[in-house]
């Protein structure tokens, strides 16, 4: 499964990440906060949460709104 990361800059291209890469990052750092683009399906993000909970991690998923517009949000996933 590939997920789209949130853009850091307005004109930047969307980068993708897969579960294997996330697992590798967690092995090196122990915990990490990831920000995902709103174009990812909620179903895929819930599957990501369940995958890492099965591996023994604590995972928190929430929507982060960055303006007053209801359509301006990203997903934040904190994996401990």
N, C-alpha and C. Protein backbone atom coordinates (compact mmCIF):
# COMPACT_ATOMS: atom_id res chain seq x y z
N UNK A 1 0.84 -1.17 0.00
CA UNK A 1 0.00 0.00 0.00
C UNK A 1 0.89 1.24 0.00
N UNK A 2 0.62 2.15 -0.91
CA UNK A 2 1.34 3.43 -0.95
C UNK A 2 0.40 4.55 -0.53
N UNK A 3 0.93 5.43 0.29
CA UNK A 3 0.17 6.58 0.77
C UNK A 3 0.88 7.85 0.36
N UNK A 4 0.11 8.91 0.15
CA UNK A 4 0.68 10.19 -0.25
C UNK A 4 0.97 11.04 0.98
N UNK A 5 2.20 11.51 1.08
CA UNK A 5 2.58 12.40 2.18
C UNK A 5 2.08 13.81 1.88
N UNK A 6 1.82 14.57 2.93
CA UNK A 6 1.40 15.96 2.75
C UNK A 6 2.57 16.78 2.19
N UNK A 7 2.23 17.77 1.38
CA UNK A 7 3.26 18.64 0.81
C UNK A 7 3.84 19.54 1.90
N UNK A 8 5.13 19.82 1.80
CA UNK A 8 5.78 20.74 2.72
C UNK A 8 5.73 22.16 2.17
N UNK A 9 5.83 22.27 0.85
CA UNK A 9 5.76 23.57 0.17
C UNK A 9 4.62 23.54 -0.83
N UNK A 10 4.06 24.70 -1.12
CA UNK A 10 2.89 24.80 -1.98
C UNK A 10 3.12 24.22 -3.38
N UNK A 11 4.25 24.49 -3.99
CA UNK A 11 4.52 24.02 -5.35
C UNK A 11 5.19 22.67 -5.43
N UNK A 12 5.41 22.02 -4.31
CA UNK A 12 6.13 20.75 -4.29
C UNK A 12 5.28 19.61 -4.85
N UNK A 13 5.96 18.59 -5.36
CA UNK A 13 5.27 17.40 -5.84
C UNK A 13 4.92 16.52 -4.64
N UNK A 14 3.85 15.77 -4.77
CA UNK A 14 3.43 14.87 -3.69
C UNK A 14 4.36 13.65 -3.69
N UNK A 15 4.89 13.32 -2.52
CA UNK A 15 5.74 12.15 -2.36
C UNK A 15 4.91 11.01 -1.80
N UNK A 16 5.29 9.79 -2.15
CA UNK A 16 4.58 8.60 -1.69
C UNK A 16 5.49 7.79 -0.77
N UNK A 17 4.85 7.06 0.14
CA UNK A 17 5.58 6.21 1.07
C UNK A 17 4.79 4.91 1.23
N UNK A 18 5.50 3.81 1.44
CA UNK A 18 4.81 2.53 1.65
C UNK A 18 5.06 2.03 3.07
N UNK A 19 4.38 0.96 3.44
CA UNK A 19 4.47 0.44 4.80
C UNK A 19 5.88 -0.03 5.16
N UNK A 20 6.58 -0.61 4.20
CA UNK A 20 7.94 -1.09 4.47
C UNK A 20 8.86 0.07 4.85
N UNK A 21 8.74 1.18 4.14
CA UNK A 21 9.57 2.36 4.43
C UNK A 21 9.22 2.93 5.80
N UNK A 22 7.94 2.94 6.15
CA UNK A 22 7.53 3.44 7.47
C UNK A 22 8.10 2.54 8.56
N UNK A 23 8.05 1.22 8.36
CA UNK A 23 8.62 0.29 9.34
C UNK A 23 10.11 0.52 9.51
N UNK A 24 10.81 0.76 8.41
CA UNK A 24 12.26 1.02 8.46
C UNK A 24 12.56 2.29 9.26
N UNK A 25 11.78 3.33 9.03
CA UNK A 25 11.96 4.59 9.77
C UNK A 25 11.72 4.37 11.26
N UNK A 26 10.70 3.60 11.60
CA UNK A 26 10.39 3.35 13.01
C UNK A 26 11.47 2.52 13.69
N UNK A 27 12.07 1.60 12.97
CA UNK A 27 13.15 0.80 13.55
C UNK A 27 14.35 1.69 13.89
N UNK A 28 14.60 2.71 13.05
CA UNK A 28 15.72 3.60 13.28
C UNK A 28 15.43 4.67 14.33
N UNK A 29 14.22 5.19 14.35
CA UNK A 29 13.90 6.33 15.21
C UNK A 29 13.05 5.97 16.42
N UNK A 30 12.35 4.86 16.40
CA UNK A 30 11.54 4.45 17.53
C UNK A 30 10.13 5.02 17.52
N UNK A 31 9.98 6.26 17.16
CA UNK A 31 8.67 6.89 17.04
C UNK A 31 8.74 7.98 15.98
N UNK A 32 7.60 8.31 15.42
CA UNK A 32 7.61 9.29 14.33
C UNK A 32 6.20 9.82 14.13
N UNK A 33 6.12 11.07 13.71
CA UNK A 33 4.86 11.68 13.30
C UNK A 33 4.89 11.83 11.79
N UNK A 34 3.87 11.31 11.12
CA UNK A 34 3.74 11.41 9.68
C UNK A 34 2.53 12.27 9.35
N UNK A 35 2.66 13.07 8.29
CA UNK A 35 1.54 13.89 7.81
C UNK A 35 1.19 13.42 6.41
N UNK A 36 -0.08 13.07 6.22
CA UNK A 36 -0.54 12.52 4.95
C UNK A 36 -1.53 13.47 4.29
N UNK A 37 -1.52 13.46 2.96
CA UNK A 37 -2.40 14.30 2.16
C UNK A 37 -3.86 13.87 2.33
N UNK A 38 -4.76 14.83 2.18
CA UNK A 38 -6.19 14.53 2.34
C UNK A 38 -6.74 13.65 1.21
N UNK A 39 -5.99 13.50 0.12
CA UNK A 39 -6.46 12.67 -0.99
C UNK A 39 -6.35 11.17 -0.69
N UNK A 40 -5.66 10.80 0.40
CA UNK A 40 -5.62 9.39 0.81
C UNK A 40 -7.00 8.99 1.32
N UNK A 41 -7.38 7.76 1.06
CA UNK A 41 -8.68 7.31 1.56
C UNK A 41 -8.58 7.03 3.06
N UNK A 42 -9.65 7.35 3.74
CA UNK A 42 -9.70 7.12 5.19
C UNK A 42 -9.54 5.62 5.48
N UNK A 43 -10.07 4.79 4.60
CA UNK A 43 -9.97 3.34 4.74
C UNK A 43 -8.51 2.88 4.75
N UNK A 44 -7.68 3.44 3.86
CA UNK A 44 -6.26 3.09 3.82
C UNK A 44 -5.53 3.53 5.09
N UNK A 45 -5.89 4.70 5.60
CA UNK A 45 -5.24 5.19 6.81
C UNK A 45 -5.62 4.34 8.02
N UNK A 46 -6.86 3.91 8.09
CA UNK A 46 -7.29 3.02 9.17
C UNK A 46 -6.56 1.68 9.05
N UNK A 47 -6.36 1.18 7.83
CA UNK A 47 -5.60 -0.05 7.62
C UNK A 47 -4.16 0.12 8.09
N UNK A 48 -3.56 1.29 7.85
CA UNK A 48 -2.21 1.58 8.32
C UNK A 48 -2.17 1.55 9.85
N UNK A 49 -3.15 2.17 10.49
CA UNK A 49 -3.22 2.18 11.96
C UNK A 49 -3.32 0.75 12.48
N UNK A 50 -4.20 -0.05 11.92
CA UNK A 50 -4.38 -1.43 12.37
C UNK A 50 -3.11 -2.26 12.15
N UNK A 51 -2.42 -2.03 11.04
CA UNK A 51 -1.18 -2.77 10.75
C UNK A 51 -0.15 -2.53 11.85
N UNK A 52 0.06 -1.27 12.21
CA UNK A 52 1.09 -0.97 13.21
C UNK A 52 0.65 -1.31 14.63
N UNK A 53 -0.65 -1.29 14.90
CA UNK A 53 -1.12 -1.75 16.20
C UNK A 53 -0.88 -3.24 16.36
N UNK A 54 -1.04 -4.01 15.28
CA UNK A 54 -0.77 -5.44 15.31
C UNK A 54 0.71 -5.72 15.57
N UNK A 55 1.59 -4.79 15.15
CA UNK A 55 3.03 -4.95 15.39
C UNK A 55 3.44 -4.49 16.79
N UNK A 56 2.46 -3.99 17.58
CA UNK A 56 2.75 -3.61 18.96
C UNK A 56 2.96 -2.12 19.18
N UNK A 57 2.75 -1.30 18.17
CA UNK A 57 2.91 0.15 18.31
C UNK A 57 1.61 0.78 18.78
N UNK A 58 1.71 1.93 19.43
CA UNK A 58 0.56 2.77 19.72
C UNK A 58 0.45 3.77 18.58
N UNK A 59 -0.73 3.89 18.00
CA UNK A 59 -0.90 4.73 16.82
C UNK A 59 -2.08 5.67 17.04
N UNK A 60 -1.86 6.95 16.74
CA UNK A 60 -2.90 7.96 16.88
C UNK A 60 -3.12 8.64 15.53
N UNK A 61 -4.38 8.68 15.10
CA UNK A 61 -4.77 9.28 13.83
C UNK A 61 -5.71 10.44 14.11
N UNK A 62 -5.45 11.58 13.47
CA UNK A 62 -6.37 12.71 13.59
C UNK A 62 -6.27 13.58 12.35
N UNK A 63 -7.32 14.37 12.14
CA UNK A 63 -7.33 15.36 11.06
C UNK A 63 -6.82 16.67 11.61
N UNK A 64 -5.96 17.33 10.86
CA UNK A 64 -5.43 18.64 11.25
C UNK A 64 -5.94 19.66 10.24
N UNK A 65 -6.73 20.60 10.69
CA UNK A 65 -7.25 21.66 9.82
C UNK A 65 -6.27 22.83 9.89
N UNK A 66 -5.89 23.35 8.74
CA UNK A 66 -4.91 24.44 8.73
C UNK A 66 -5.49 25.76 8.26
N UNK A 67 -6.78 25.80 7.94
CA UNK A 67 -7.50 27.05 7.71
C UNK A 67 -8.92 26.87 8.24
N UNK A 68 -9.74 27.89 8.12
CA UNK A 68 -11.12 27.78 8.57
C UNK A 68 -12.00 27.01 7.58
N UNK A 69 -11.52 26.80 6.37
CA UNK A 69 -12.26 26.06 5.36
C UNK A 69 -12.30 24.57 5.74
N UNK A 70 -13.47 23.97 5.65
CA UNK A 70 -13.64 22.56 6.00
C UNK A 70 -12.82 21.62 5.12
N UNK A 71 -12.47 22.05 3.91
CA UNK A 71 -11.74 21.20 2.97
C UNK A 71 -10.23 21.32 3.07
N UNK A 72 -9.75 22.15 3.96
CA UNK A 72 -8.30 22.34 4.12
C UNK A 72 -7.83 21.58 5.36
N UNK A 73 -7.44 20.35 5.15
CA UNK A 73 -6.96 19.52 6.25
C UNK A 73 -5.95 18.51 5.73
N UNK A 74 -5.18 17.95 6.65
CA UNK A 74 -4.28 16.85 6.38
C UNK A 74 -4.48 15.83 7.51
N UNK A 75 -3.97 14.65 7.31
CA UNK A 75 -4.03 13.63 8.35
C UNK A 75 -2.69 13.57 9.08
N UNK A 76 -2.76 13.46 10.39
CA UNK A 76 -1.56 13.28 11.21
C UNK A 76 -1.62 11.90 11.84
N UNK A 77 -0.56 11.14 11.69
CA UNK A 77 -0.47 9.83 12.34
C UNK A 77 0.81 9.81 13.16
N UNK A 78 0.63 9.61 14.46
CA UNK A 78 1.74 9.54 15.39
C UNK A 78 1.90 8.08 15.81
N UNK A 79 3.06 7.52 15.52
CA UNK A 79 3.32 6.12 15.82
C UNK A 79 4.39 6.06 16.90
N UNK A 80 4.05 5.43 18.02
CA UNK A 80 4.97 5.27 19.16
C UNK A 80 5.30 3.80 19.36
